[in-house]
N, C-alpha and C. Protein backbone atom coordinates (compact mmCIF):
# COMPACT_ATOMS: atom_id res chain seq x y z
N MET A 1 36.41 55.20 17.28
CA MET A 1 36.15 56.72 17.53
C MET A 1 35.82 57.59 15.84
N VAL A 2 36.33 56.90 15.22
CA VAL A 2 35.10 57.79 13.96
C VAL A 2 34.37 57.80 13.68
N ARG A 3 34.10 56.58 14.20
CA ARG A 3 32.76 56.01 13.46
C ARG A 3 31.50 56.79 14.87
N CYS A 4 32.63 56.72 16.10
CA CYS A 4 30.97 57.43 17.45
C CYS A 4 31.14 58.80 16.81
N ILE A 5 32.29 59.48 16.25
CA ILE A 5 31.85 61.39 16.01
C ILE A 5 31.63 61.47 14.90
N THR A 6 31.16 60.42 13.85
CA THR A 6 30.28 60.55 12.38
C THR A 6 29.01 59.99 12.94
N LYS A 7 28.89 59.19 14.12
CA LYS A 7 27.39 59.24 14.52
C LYS A 7 26.54 60.35 14.68
N PHE A 8 27.01 61.07 16.00
CA PHE A 8 26.92 62.39 16.84
C PHE A 8 27.27 63.60 16.08
N ARG A 9 27.46 63.16 14.96
CA ARG A 9 28.03 64.79 13.80
C ARG A 9 27.19 66.39 14.33
N LEU A 10 25.79 65.44 14.47
CA LEU A 10 24.23 66.85 14.43
C LEU A 10 25.32 67.65 15.48
N TYR A 11 25.40 66.95 17.01
CA TYR A 11 26.04 67.65 18.21
C TYR A 11 27.11 67.79 18.14
N LEU A 12 27.85 67.31 17.19
CA LEU A 12 29.81 67.71 17.69
C LEU A 12 29.74 68.95 16.06
N TYR A 13 29.35 68.95 15.34
CA TYR A 13 30.30 69.79 14.28
C TYR A 13 29.81 71.64 14.41
N GLU A 14 30.46 71.61 14.36
CA GLU A 14 30.71 73.28 14.89
C GLU A 14 30.69 73.86 15.58
N ARG A 15 30.90 72.74 16.99
CA ARG A 15 31.83 72.63 18.51
C ARG A 15 32.62 72.35 18.71
N ASP A 16 33.39 73.13 19.58
CA ASP A 16 34.71 72.42 20.17
C ASP A 16 34.58 71.23 20.90
N PHE A 17 34.70 70.24 20.75
CA PHE A 17 34.94 68.79 21.64
C PHE A 17 36.40 68.76 22.59
N THR A 18 36.25 67.72 23.11
CA THR A 18 37.79 67.07 23.63
C THR A 18 37.46 65.66 24.43
N LEU A 19 37.76 65.18 22.46
CA LEU A 19 38.02 63.39 22.93
C LEU A 19 39.22 63.08 23.90
N ILE A 20 38.50 61.99 25.18
CA ILE A 20 39.71 61.50 25.94
C ILE A 20 39.74 59.71 25.77
N THR A 21 40.40 59.67 26.00
CA THR A 21 40.92 58.30 25.34
C THR A 21 41.87 57.22 26.06
N TYR A 22 42.33 56.40 26.23
CA TYR A 22 43.44 55.28 26.78
C TYR A 22 44.25 55.35 26.05
N HIS A 23 44.39 55.20 24.52
CA HIS A 23 44.77 54.71 23.56
C HIS A 23 45.06 56.02 22.99
N ARG A 24 47.30 56.05 23.31
CA ARG A 24 47.88 57.31 23.29
C ARG A 24 47.90 57.41 21.76
N PRO A 25 48.16 56.38 21.07
CA PRO A 25 48.24 56.63 19.25
C PRO A 25 47.51 57.44 18.71
N LEU A 26 46.44 57.77 19.57
CA LEU A 26 45.15 58.28 18.72
C LEU A 26 45.60 60.19 19.42
N CYS A 27 46.49 59.83 19.82
CA CYS A 27 46.59 61.17 20.01
C CYS A 27 47.27 62.40 19.18
N TRP A 28 47.99 61.71 18.33
CA TRP A 28 48.48 62.56 17.62
C TRP A 28 48.23 62.24 16.17
N LEU A 29 46.58 62.24 15.79
CA LEU A 29 45.98 61.87 14.58
C LEU A 29 45.92 62.57 13.94
N ASN A 30 45.19 63.76 14.60
CA ASN A 30 44.82 64.69 13.64
C ASN A 30 46.00 66.15 13.89
N LYS A 31 47.52 65.64 14.44
CA LYS A 31 48.24 66.72 14.41
C LYS A 31 48.90 66.39 13.05
N GLN A 32 49.66 65.43 12.79
CA GLN A 32 50.57 64.86 11.67
C GLN A 32 50.03 63.28 10.60
N SER A 33 50.82 64.16 10.07
CA SER A 33 49.72 63.20 8.89
C SER A 33 51.02 61.69 8.95
N SER A 34 50.56 59.86 8.63
CA SER A 34 50.87 59.01 8.49
C SER A 34 51.26 58.84 7.29
N LYS A 35 51.71 57.02 6.71
CA LYS A 35 52.18 56.84 5.67
C LYS A 35 51.14 55.75 5.41
N ASN A 36 49.93 55.54 6.72
CA ASN A 36 48.87 54.49 6.37
C ASN A 36 47.80 55.26 5.90
N GLY A 37 47.30 54.77 4.86
CA GLY A 37 46.03 55.24 3.79
C GLY A 37 44.86 55.59 4.97
N ARG A 38 44.66 54.38 6.26
CA ARG A 38 43.09 53.99 6.71
C ARG A 38 43.22 55.39 7.44
N LEU A 39 44.88 54.94 7.98
CA LEU A 39 44.69 56.71 9.28
C LEU A 39 44.73 57.70 8.51
N ASP A 40 45.24 58.26 7.42
CA ASP A 40 45.26 59.48 6.66
C ASP A 40 43.94 59.79 6.32
N ARG A 41 42.71 59.06 5.61
CA ARG A 41 40.96 59.17 5.41
C ARG A 41 40.82 58.87 7.01
N TRP A 42 40.53 58.44 7.99
CA TRP A 42 40.23 59.06 9.08
C TRP A 42 40.17 60.17 9.42
N SER A 43 41.84 60.86 9.61
CA SER A 43 42.05 62.31 9.77
C SER A 43 41.34 63.32 8.71
N LEU A 44 41.38 62.61 7.46
CA LEU A 44 40.95 63.77 6.53
C LEU A 44 39.45 63.85 7.38
N GLN A 45 38.41 62.77 7.63
CA GLN A 45 36.98 62.77 8.00
C GLN A 45 36.65 63.66 8.65
N LEU A 46 37.68 63.21 9.95
CA LEU A 46 37.60 64.07 11.25
C LEU A 46 38.16 65.64 11.05
N GLN A 47 38.59 65.91 10.12
CA GLN A 47 39.11 67.70 9.98
C GLN A 47 38.08 68.75 10.20
N LYS A 48 37.11 68.29 9.46
CA LYS A 48 35.78 69.20 9.74
C LYS A 48 35.66 69.18 11.03
N TYR A 49 35.57 69.08 12.09
CA TYR A 49 35.22 69.04 12.95
C TYR A 49 36.11 69.34 14.47
N SER A 50 36.48 70.22 14.93
CA SER A 50 37.22 70.85 16.07
C SER A 50 36.88 70.84 17.48
N PHE A 51 38.23 69.66 17.25
CA PHE A 51 38.07 68.67 18.70
C PHE A 51 39.51 68.61 18.84
N ASP A 52 39.79 68.16 20.35
CA ASP A 52 41.18 68.22 21.13
C ASP A 52 41.05 66.44 21.50
N ILE A 53 42.33 66.05 21.21
CA ILE A 53 42.22 64.55 21.94
C ILE A 53 43.39 64.36 23.16
N LYS A 54 42.78 63.93 24.35
CA LYS A 54 43.83 64.20 25.53
C LYS A 54 43.43 63.17 25.88
N HIS A 55 44.99 62.33 26.03
CA HIS A 55 45.23 60.96 26.90
C HIS A 55 45.11 61.02 28.23
N THR A 56 44.73 59.51 28.65
CA THR A 56 44.53 59.58 30.22
C THR A 56 44.62 57.73 30.38
N SER A 57 45.34 57.76 31.63
CA SER A 57 45.22 56.16 31.79
C SER A 57 44.44 55.29 31.41
N GLY A 58 44.40 54.00 31.40
CA GLY A 58 43.26 53.28 31.30
C GLY A 58 42.64 53.27 32.71
N SER A 59 43.79 53.09 33.48
CA SER A 59 43.49 52.79 35.19
C SER A 59 42.17 53.71 35.48
N SER A 60 42.49 55.08 35.19
CA SER A 60 41.92 56.27 35.53
C SER A 60 40.83 56.71 34.89
N ASN A 61 40.52 55.42 33.31
CA ASN A 61 39.71 55.86 32.43
C ASN A 61 38.25 55.04 32.99
N ARG A 62 37.47 54.67 33.59
CA ARG A 62 37.14 53.36 34.00
C ARG A 62 35.43 53.63 32.92
N VAL A 63 35.28 55.13 32.73
CA VAL A 63 34.11 55.34 32.24
C VAL A 63 34.44 54.40 30.52
N THR A 64 35.31 54.42 29.82
CA THR A 64 35.48 53.85 28.98
C THR A 64 35.44 51.66 29.07
N ASP A 65 36.02 51.90 30.01
CA ASP A 65 35.55 50.27 30.82
C ASP A 65 34.60 49.34 30.42
N CYS A 66 33.21 50.41 31.02
CA CYS A 66 32.22 49.77 31.17
C CYS A 66 31.38 49.73 29.72
N LEU A 67 31.83 50.79 29.20
CA LEU A 67 31.34 51.08 28.15
C LEU A 67 31.33 50.10 26.54
N SER A 68 33.19 49.48 27.13
CA SER A 68 33.95 48.61 25.83
C SER A 68 33.43 47.45 26.04
N ARG A 69 32.48 46.95 27.03
CA ARG A 69 32.57 45.32 27.76
C ARG A 69 31.62 44.76 26.65
N TYR A 70 31.04 43.90 26.41
CA TYR A 70 30.26 43.05 25.81
C TYR A 70 28.70 43.27 26.44
N PRO A 71 28.08 44.12 25.69
CA PRO A 71 26.14 43.96 26.37
C PRO A 71 25.48 42.50 27.25
N ILE A 72 25.18 43.20 28.32
CA ILE A 72 24.58 41.82 28.90
C ILE A 72 23.14 41.32 28.48
N GLN A 73 22.51 40.09 29.04
CA GLN A 73 21.29 39.86 27.98
C GLN A 73 20.05 40.63 28.50
N GLN A 74 20.10 40.32 30.24
CA GLN A 74 18.68 40.95 30.48
C GLN A 74 19.11 42.17 31.18
N LEU A 75 18.72 43.21 29.66
CA LEU A 75 17.89 44.89 30.46
C LEU A 75 17.11 45.13 31.29
N ASP A 76 16.55 43.88 31.02
CA ASP A 76 15.03 44.46 32.08
C ASP A 76 15.59 44.66 33.44
N GLU A 77 16.89 43.51 33.68
CA GLU A 77 17.13 44.09 34.96
C GLU A 77 17.54 45.63 35.54
N ILE A 78 18.44 46.61 33.89
CA ILE A 78 19.26 47.04 34.40
C ILE A 78 17.82 47.82 34.48
N VAL A 79 17.24 47.95 34.00
CA VAL A 79 15.80 49.05 34.16
C VAL A 79 15.21 48.85 34.95
N GLU A 80 15.24 48.21 35.83
CA GLU A 80 14.10 48.04 36.77
C GLU A 80 14.74 48.54 37.97
N ASP A 81 16.48 47.99 37.85
CA ASP A 81 17.21 49.00 39.15
C ASP A 81 17.21 50.61 38.67
N GLN A 82 17.42 50.86 37.63
CA GLN A 82 16.80 52.95 37.26
C GLN A 82 15.98 52.97 37.92
N LEU A 83 14.83 51.91 37.39
CA LEU A 83 13.24 52.65 38.63
C LEU A 83 13.60 52.48 39.99
N ASN A 84 14.38 51.67 40.29
CA ASN A 84 14.26 51.59 41.67
C ASN A 84 15.06 52.72 42.72
N VAL A 85 15.82 53.30 42.35
CA VAL A 85 16.86 54.06 42.34
C VAL A 85 16.02 55.62 42.31
N MET A 86 14.60 55.85 41.01
CA MET A 86 14.66 56.74 40.68
C MET A 86 12.99 56.79 41.77
N HIS A 87 12.29 55.86 42.13
CA HIS A 87 10.74 55.65 42.18
C HIS A 87 10.72 54.74 43.44
N GLY A 88 11.84 54.38 43.65
CA GLY A 88 11.54 53.43 45.11
C GLY A 88 11.41 51.82 44.42
N PRO A 89 11.08 50.78 44.67
CA PRO A 89 11.09 49.73 43.77
C PRO A 89 9.37 49.79 43.25
N SER A 90 9.43 49.11 41.81
CA SER A 90 8.87 48.95 41.23
C SER A 90 7.77 47.92 40.95
N SER A 91 7.67 47.23 42.07
CA SER A 91 6.83 46.27 42.25
C SER A 91 5.56 46.77 41.80
N ASN A 92 4.63 47.92 41.59
CA ASN A 92 3.65 48.56 41.81
C ASN A 92 3.31 48.45 40.33
N ILE A 93 4.23 49.15 39.52
CA ILE A 93 4.17 49.30 38.26
C ILE A 93 3.93 47.97 37.92
N ASN A 94 4.49 46.43 37.80
CA ASN A 94 4.86 45.32 37.09
C ASN A 94 3.40 44.89 37.47
N MET A 95 3.00 45.70 38.56
CA MET A 95 1.39 44.62 38.84
C MET A 95 0.17 45.04 38.10
N ILE A 96 0.66 45.99 38.06
CA ILE A 96 -0.46 46.56 37.21
C ILE A 96 -1.16 45.89 35.54
N ALA A 97 0.03 45.54 34.96
CA ALA A 97 0.13 44.65 34.19
C ALA A 97 -0.61 43.53 34.23
N ASP A 98 0.00 42.37 35.63
CA ASP A 98 0.13 41.54 36.11
C ASP A 98 -1.33 41.03 36.64
N LEU A 99 -1.95 41.94 36.58
CA LEU A 99 -3.03 41.61 37.56
C LEU A 99 -3.87 41.11 36.57
N SER A 100 -4.13 41.41 35.21
CA SER A 100 -5.30 41.30 34.54
C SER A 100 -4.42 39.70 34.06
N PHE A 101 -3.47 39.05 33.91
CA PHE A 101 -2.89 37.89 33.67
C PHE A 101 -2.59 36.89 34.38
N ASP A 102 -3.11 37.17 35.58
CA ASP A 102 -3.47 36.41 36.66
C ASP A 102 -3.61 35.10 35.91
N ALA A 103 -3.32 33.56 36.73
CA ALA A 103 -3.14 32.57 36.98
C ALA A 103 -4.52 31.67 36.48
N THR A 104 -5.83 32.30 37.48
CA THR A 104 -7.21 32.20 37.37
C THR A 104 -7.86 33.04 35.82
N ARG A 105 -7.44 34.17 34.96
CA ARG A 105 -7.81 34.17 34.58
C ARG A 105 -7.40 33.50 32.80
N ILE A 106 -6.26 33.86 32.99
CA ILE A 106 -5.55 32.89 32.05
C ILE A 106 -5.81 31.28 31.66
N ARG A 107 -6.09 30.88 33.12
CA ARG A 107 -7.13 29.41 32.70
C ARG A 107 -8.23 29.38 32.13
N GLU A 108 -9.32 30.41 33.08
CA GLU A 108 -10.89 30.47 32.13
C GLU A 108 -10.30 30.41 30.31
N GLN A 109 -9.47 31.26 29.79
CA GLN A 109 -9.38 31.33 28.52
C GLN A 109 -8.92 30.33 28.42
N GLN A 110 -7.86 29.77 28.85
CA GLN A 110 -7.89 28.14 28.03
C GLN A 110 -8.44 27.63 27.89
N ILE A 111 -9.76 27.41 28.83
CA ILE A 111 -10.52 26.49 28.77
C ILE A 111 -11.42 26.44 27.50
N LYS A 112 -11.23 28.38 27.14
CA LYS A 112 -12.44 28.30 25.76
C LYS A 112 -11.70 28.47 24.89
N ASP A 113 -10.16 28.26 24.46
CA ASP A 113 -9.47 27.94 23.64
C ASP A 113 -9.81 26.90 23.28
N ASN A 114 -9.93 26.32 21.54
CA ASN A 114 -10.35 24.66 21.96
C ASN A 114 -8.83 24.16 21.54
N LYS A 115 -7.78 24.62 20.75
CA LYS A 115 -6.45 24.20 20.89
C LYS A 115 -5.68 24.06 22.22
N ILE A 116 -5.94 25.16 23.11
CA ILE A 116 -5.72 24.77 24.14
C ILE A 116 -6.69 23.38 24.88
N LYS A 117 -7.33 23.79 25.00
CA LYS A 117 -8.25 22.57 25.90
C LYS A 117 -8.15 21.11 24.96
N GLN A 118 -7.72 21.30 23.55
CA GLN A 118 -7.10 19.90 23.64
C GLN A 118 -6.17 19.98 24.36
N ILE A 119 -5.20 20.05 24.12
CA ILE A 119 -3.45 20.02 25.38
C ILE A 119 -4.07 19.52 26.96
N TYR A 120 -5.08 20.14 27.32
CA TYR A 120 -4.93 20.46 28.81
C TYR A 120 -5.86 18.91 28.47
N GLU A 121 -6.98 18.32 27.89
CA GLU A 121 -7.25 17.24 27.94
C GLU A 121 -5.87 15.84 27.56
N HIS A 122 -5.16 16.20 26.53
CA HIS A 122 -4.13 15.37 26.44
C HIS A 122 -3.09 15.04 27.99
N LEU A 123 -2.92 16.43 28.46
CA LEU A 123 -2.12 16.54 29.52
C LEU A 123 -2.39 16.09 31.35
N SER A 124 -4.48 15.98 30.79
CA SER A 124 -4.57 15.33 32.35
C SER A 124 -4.34 13.85 32.32
N SER A 125 -5.00 13.47 30.67
CA SER A 125 -5.16 12.20 31.10
C SER A 125 -3.51 11.10 30.71
N GLY A 126 -3.08 11.91 31.42
CA GLY A 126 -1.04 11.11 32.07
C GLY A 126 -0.58 11.51 30.92
N LYS A 127 -1.15 11.55 29.30
CA LYS A 127 0.26 11.75 28.39
C LYS A 127 0.80 13.13 28.48
N GLN A 128 1.74 12.86 27.84
CA GLN A 128 2.61 13.42 27.85
C GLN A 128 2.89 14.23 26.96
N ARG A 129 3.47 15.28 26.48
CA ARG A 129 3.52 16.05 25.45
C ARG A 129 5.29 17.24 25.86
N HIS A 130 5.99 17.17 24.56
CA HIS A 130 7.46 17.76 24.52
C HIS A 130 7.32 19.06 25.03
N SER A 131 6.27 19.59 24.27
CA SER A 131 6.33 21.34 24.87
C SER A 131 5.51 21.74 25.54
N PHE A 132 4.90 21.01 26.33
CA PHE A 132 3.95 21.48 27.18
C PHE A 132 3.84 20.57 28.41
N VAL A 133 3.42 21.24 29.91
CA VAL A 133 3.31 20.32 30.61
C VAL A 133 1.57 20.85 31.26
N LEU A 134 0.96 20.32 32.52
CA LEU A 134 -0.29 20.94 32.71
C LEU A 134 0.81 20.84 34.56
N GLU A 135 0.03 21.85 34.86
CA GLU A 135 0.68 22.53 36.59
C GLU A 135 -0.07 23.05 37.18
N ASP A 136 -0.85 23.17 38.10
CA ASP A 136 -2.43 23.78 39.05
C ASP A 136 -2.96 24.11 38.08
N GLU A 137 -3.38 22.78 37.26
CA GLU A 137 -5.00 22.98 36.61
C GLU A 137 -4.34 24.52 34.73
N LEU A 138 -3.25 25.12 34.58
CA LEU A 138 -2.66 25.44 34.05
C LEU A 138 -1.92 24.83 33.09
N VAL A 139 -2.26 25.03 31.66
CA VAL A 139 -1.39 24.88 30.25
C VAL A 139 0.22 25.84 31.04
N HIS A 140 1.19 25.03 30.71
CA HIS A 140 2.53 26.06 30.85
C HIS A 140 2.78 25.43 29.32
N LYS A 141 3.72 26.49 28.68
CA LYS A 141 4.65 26.54 27.17
C LYS A 141 6.40 25.73 27.99
N VAL A 142 6.54 24.68 27.80
CA VAL A 142 8.12 24.34 28.47
C VAL A 142 8.74 24.84 26.69
N VAL A 143 10.24 25.36 27.59
CA VAL A 143 11.37 26.04 26.43
C VAL A 143 12.24 25.26 26.18
N HIS A 144 12.95 24.34 25.82
CA HIS A 144 14.17 23.27 26.01
C HIS A 144 15.10 23.82 24.92
N GLN A 145 16.60 24.15 25.37
CA GLN A 145 17.88 24.41 25.13
C GLN A 145 18.76 23.30 24.92
N SER A 146 19.00 22.45 24.34
CA SER A 146 19.99 21.38 24.11
C SER A 146 19.87 20.28 25.35
N GLY A 147 18.40 20.03 25.57
CA GLY A 147 17.95 19.43 26.64
C GLY A 147 17.84 20.00 27.71
N VAL A 148 18.14 20.77 28.28
CA VAL A 148 17.63 21.28 29.15
C VAL A 148 16.62 22.57 28.92
N LEU A 149 15.88 22.60 30.88
CA LEU A 149 15.06 23.81 30.24
C LEU A 149 15.37 24.53 31.18
N ILE A 150 14.49 25.33 29.86
CA ILE A 150 14.78 26.69 29.90
C ILE A 150 13.97 27.65 30.47
N LEU A 151 12.92 27.81 30.01
CA LEU A 151 11.55 28.29 30.71
C LEU A 151 10.35 27.57 30.60
N LYS A 152 9.65 27.57 32.08
CA LYS A 152 8.20 27.48 31.93
C LYS A 152 7.38 28.66 31.82
N LEU A 153 6.71 28.43 31.22
CA LEU A 153 5.25 30.03 31.03
C LEU A 153 4.35 29.44 30.73
N PRO A 154 3.13 30.15 31.01
CA PRO A 154 2.43 29.84 30.61
C PRO A 154 1.21 30.34 29.60
N TYR A 155 0.62 29.33 29.68
CA TYR A 155 0.36 29.19 27.26
C TYR A 155 -0.49 29.60 27.45
N VAL A 156 -0.19 31.39 27.11
CA VAL A 156 -1.45 31.98 26.51
C VAL A 156 -2.47 31.88 25.15
N PRO A 157 -3.70 31.61 25.39
CA PRO A 157 -4.95 31.49 24.76
C PRO A 157 -4.54 33.22 23.31
N THR A 158 -4.80 32.35 22.62
CA THR A 158 -4.80 33.74 21.54
C THR A 158 -5.54 34.68 21.97
N SER A 159 -6.83 34.43 22.57
CA SER A 159 -7.56 34.88 22.75
C SER A 159 -7.30 36.36 23.51
N MET A 160 -6.11 36.59 24.63
CA MET A 160 -5.53 37.08 25.37
C MET A 160 -4.19 38.09 24.87
N ILE A 161 -3.66 37.53 23.23
CA ILE A 161 -2.68 38.33 23.02
C ILE A 161 -2.85 39.64 22.75
N ASN A 162 -3.84 40.11 21.86
CA ASN A 162 -4.00 41.79 21.81
C ASN A 162 -4.09 42.22 23.34
N GLN A 163 -5.20 41.92 24.18
CA GLN A 163 -4.48 42.25 25.81
C GLN A 163 -3.52 42.65 26.43
N LEU A 164 -2.49 40.92 26.37
CA LEU A 164 -1.57 41.09 26.70
C LEU A 164 -0.63 42.85 26.09
N LEU A 165 -0.20 42.29 24.69
CA LEU A 165 0.21 43.33 24.07
C LEU A 165 -0.33 45.32 24.48
N GLN A 166 -1.09 45.50 25.32
CA GLN A 166 -1.86 46.31 25.16
C GLN A 166 -1.28 46.55 26.62
N ALA A 167 -2.05 45.99 27.55
CA ALA A 167 -1.03 45.73 28.69
C ALA A 167 0.34 46.34 28.85
N TYR A 168 1.28 45.61 27.98
CA TYR A 168 2.96 45.61 28.10
C TYR A 168 3.72 46.55 27.14
N HIS A 169 2.48 47.23 26.21
CA HIS A 169 3.03 48.32 25.54
C HIS A 169 2.43 49.40 25.64
N ASP A 170 1.32 49.49 25.34
CA ASP A 170 0.57 50.89 25.32
C ASP A 170 0.03 51.89 26.58
N SER A 171 0.44 50.31 28.24
CA SER A 171 -0.27 51.37 28.88
C SER A 171 0.72 52.23 29.71
N PRO A 172 0.49 53.00 30.24
CA PRO A 172 1.38 54.25 30.77
C PRO A 172 2.37 53.55 32.03
N ALA A 173 2.09 52.37 32.57
CA ALA A 173 3.06 52.02 33.56
C ALA A 173 4.18 50.67 33.05
N SER A 174 3.63 50.90 31.12
CA SER A 174 4.75 50.21 30.60
C SER A 174 6.06 50.20 30.24
N GLY A 175 6.03 51.55 30.45
CA GLY A 175 7.39 52.49 30.33
C GLY A 175 7.44 52.46 28.54
N HIS A 176 7.12 52.17 28.12
CA HIS A 176 7.50 52.49 26.48
C HIS A 176 8.95 52.31 26.21
N LEU A 177 9.47 50.60 26.08
CA LEU A 177 10.61 50.96 26.62
C LEU A 177 11.19 49.77 24.85
N GLY A 178 9.82 50.64 23.99
CA GLY A 178 10.27 50.14 22.06
C GLY A 178 10.48 48.34 22.20
N LEU A 179 10.56 48.81 20.67
CA LEU A 179 9.88 47.14 21.00
C LEU A 179 10.59 45.36 21.00
N ASN A 180 12.01 45.61 21.10
CA ASN A 180 12.79 44.59 21.42
C ASN A 180 13.08 44.15 22.89
N LYS A 181 13.07 45.55 23.74
CA LYS A 181 12.59 45.10 25.23
C LYS A 181 11.62 45.38 25.34
N THR A 182 10.54 45.20 25.23
CA THR A 182 8.76 44.88 25.17
C THR A 182 8.76 43.46 25.01
N TRP A 183 9.71 43.12 23.90
CA TRP A 183 9.21 41.48 23.51
C TRP A 183 9.94 40.89 24.11
N HIS A 184 11.20 41.20 24.51
CA HIS A 184 11.82 40.46 25.79
C HIS A 184 11.30 40.24 27.45
N LYS A 185 10.62 41.62 27.19
CA LYS A 185 9.87 41.49 28.87
C LYS A 185 8.64 40.85 28.47
N ILE A 186 7.82 40.04 27.94
CA ILE A 186 6.88 39.78 27.37
C ILE A 186 7.04 38.11 27.14
N ARG A 187 8.30 38.08 26.94
CA ARG A 187 8.78 36.75 26.06
C ARG A 187 9.82 35.72 27.25
N ASN A 188 9.63 36.97 27.93
CA ASN A 188 9.93 36.14 29.65
C ASN A 188 9.29 35.45 30.54
N ARG A 189 7.71 36.20 30.26
CA ARG A 189 6.85 35.80 31.48
C ARG A 189 5.21 35.20 31.02
N PHE A 190 5.68 35.11 29.58
CA PHE A 190 4.34 34.65 28.59
C PHE A 190 4.87 33.81 27.78
């Protein structure tokens, strides 16, 4: 609670606000002192703010339940769901970025890349490569974790990396999701 209030101090300082909590012992924090040094320090930190603490039972305070849960891994799904609610299915938004990175275009660029061409020849001769597989004449990078196949993604040539970053970051349809979300979005597709 102290960390949250100090983090949002720009919004909360010199304003009256109400803190609603399901943790009943916090209700007396700004009313009386305790013999616990940590609680007294917290109380001193919070004295510069004007707020009331109100208790609500945990069963009726569902907002805190969802905010206190461990974050999920796939944030792209949440963003996709929000876009669906606001604008309808957003498959047309993803299509803009995906159109320039279809299998035939990637294959054309793979043939021009010497490193990938070497891997392609190695795989097409029937030899196995641990990290790569040939599927539909396209070299795919295979990601294993503990011996289990996790991802099989098209191996993007270095000549296409700048275009890929521009399509998923600079394009108006990309949504400017920030560094981490953009990286995860690209990582899960290429």
